[in-house]
Amino acid sequence: MWYDFLKSYPVKFTRQKVLGKYIADFYSAQARLVIELDGSQHYDAVGEQKDAERTAYLEQYGLNVLRIPNNQINQRFREVCEYIDHIVKQRL
């Protein structure tokens, strides 16, 4: 995701950005957007609860959190990039 899309995206993203008590996979200050790439550990009860807490924490600062399953990146990369582009444009 980083090398093939976000690194050269016109709106600046950083990776592994510390936001309070969390580290975001990707963050755009301009779009106020966090992108999280989620592996299988995010889809059990404990993972879902932790993700909900993390999302609520980040949203209280006006950030939007996109959660994208890893398998979607592998299977539908172009569509995922188009989705991210759409969300970024909405947030600007």
Protein backbone atom coordinates (compact mmCIF):
# COMPACT_ATOMS: atom_id res chain seq x y z
CA MET A 1 0.00 0.00 0.00
CA TRP A 2 2.75 2.45 0.94
CA TYR A 3 5.15 1.92 -1.97
CA ASP A 4 2.52 1.29 -4.63
CA PHE A 5 0.06 4.06 -3.73
CA LEU A 6 0.30 6.27 -0.64
CA LYS A 7 3.97 7.28 -0.83
CA SER A 8 3.40 9.16 -4.09
CA TYR A 9 -0.23 10.16 -3.45
CA PRO A 10 -0.76 13.93 -3.95
CA VAL A 11 -2.09 14.38 -0.40
CA LYS A 12 0.70 13.65 2.08
CA PHE A 13 0.48 10.50 4.19
CA THR A 14 2.92 9.33 6.82
CA ARG A 15 3.25 5.78 8.02
CA GLN A 16 3.54 4.47 11.55
CA LYS A 17 2.39 7.80 12.98
CA VAL A 18 2.04 8.09 16.75
CA LEU A 19 -1.38 9.54 17.58
CA GLY A 20 -1.81 9.75 21.33
CA LYS A 21 -1.55 6.25 22.74
CA TYR A 22 -1.80 4.54 19.34
CA ILE A 23 0.31 4.10 16.23
CA ALA A 24 -1.60 4.50 12.98
CA ASP A 25 -0.56 2.47 9.95
CA PHE A 26 -1.05 5.54 7.72
CA TYR A 27 -2.08 9.09 8.57
CA SER A 28 -2.92 12.22 6.61
CA ALA A 29 -3.11 15.41 8.67
CA GLN A 30 -4.53 17.32 5.71
CA ALA A 31 -7.42 14.87 5.21
CA ARG A 32 -7.69 14.09 8.95
CA LEU A 33 -7.65 10.43 7.96
CA VAL A 34 -6.20 7.28 9.49
CA ILE A 35 -5.89 4.12 7.42
CA GLU A 36 -5.53 0.84 9.27
CA LEU A 37 -4.64 -2.37 7.44
CA ASP A 38 -6.22 -5.22 9.35
CA GLY A 39 -5.06 -8.82 9.44
CA SER A 40 -7.06 -11.77 10.73
CA GLN A 41 -6.35 -10.96 14.41
CA HIS A 42 -8.68 -7.98 14.07
CA TYR A 43 -11.71 -10.17 13.40
CA ASP A 44 -12.17 -12.00 16.68
CA ALA A 45 -14.06 -10.62 19.69
CA VAL A 46 -10.95 -9.23 21.41
CA GLY A 47 -9.59 -7.65 18.24
CA GLU A 48 -12.92 -6.07 17.36
CA GLN A 49 -13.24 -4.59 20.86
CA LYS A 50 -9.72 -3.15 20.77
CA ASP A 51 -10.35 -1.70 17.30
CA ALA A 52 -13.62 -0.11 18.46
CA GLU A 53 -11.81 1.53 21.39
CA ARG A 54 -9.01 2.73 19.12
CA THR A 55 -11.44 4.14 16.56
CA ALA A 56 -13.48 5.95 19.23
CA TYR A 57 -10.29 7.45 20.68
CA LEU A 58 -9.13 8.74 17.29
CA GLU A 59 -12.58 10.00 16.27
CA GLN A 60 -12.76 12.23 19.33
CA TYR A 61 -9.97 14.24 17.68
CA GLY A 62 -11.92 14.65 14.45
CA LEU A 63 -10.13 11.86 12.62
CA ASN A 64 -11.83 9.43 10.29
CA VAL A 65 -10.57 5.85 10.53
CA LEU A 66 -10.66 3.54 7.51
CA ARG A 67 -10.15 -0.14 8.25
CA ILE A 68 -9.13 -2.19 5.26
CA PRO A 69 -8.72 -5.97 5.49
CA ASN A 70 -5.38 -7.25 4.18
CA ASN A 71 -7.12 -9.74 1.90
CA GLN A 72 -8.88 -6.86 0.11
CA ILE A 73 -5.54 -5.20 -0.57
CA ASN A 74 -4.23 -8.44 -2.03
CA GLN A 75 -7.34 -9.25 -4.06
CA ARG A 76 -8.70 -5.81 -5.04
CA PHE A 77 -5.81 -3.39 -4.81
CA ARG A 78 -7.02 -0.97 -7.50
CA GLU A 79 -10.50 -0.77 -5.97
CA VAL A 80 -9.06 -0.15 -2.51
CA CYS A 81 -6.92 2.70 -3.88
CA GLU A 82 -9.94 4.19 -5.62
CA TYR A 83 -11.91 3.97 -2.37
CA ILE A 84 -9.14 5.71 -0.41
CA ASP A 85 -8.93 8.41 -3.09
CA HIS A 86 -12.68 8.94 -2.89
CA ILE A 87 -12.63 9.28 0.91
CA VAL A 88 -9.65 11.66 0.85
CA LYS A 89 -11.38 13.91 -1.68
CA GLN A 90 -14.52 13.97 0.47
CA ARG A 91 -12.51 15.00 3.52
CA LEU A 92 -10.67 17.89 1.86
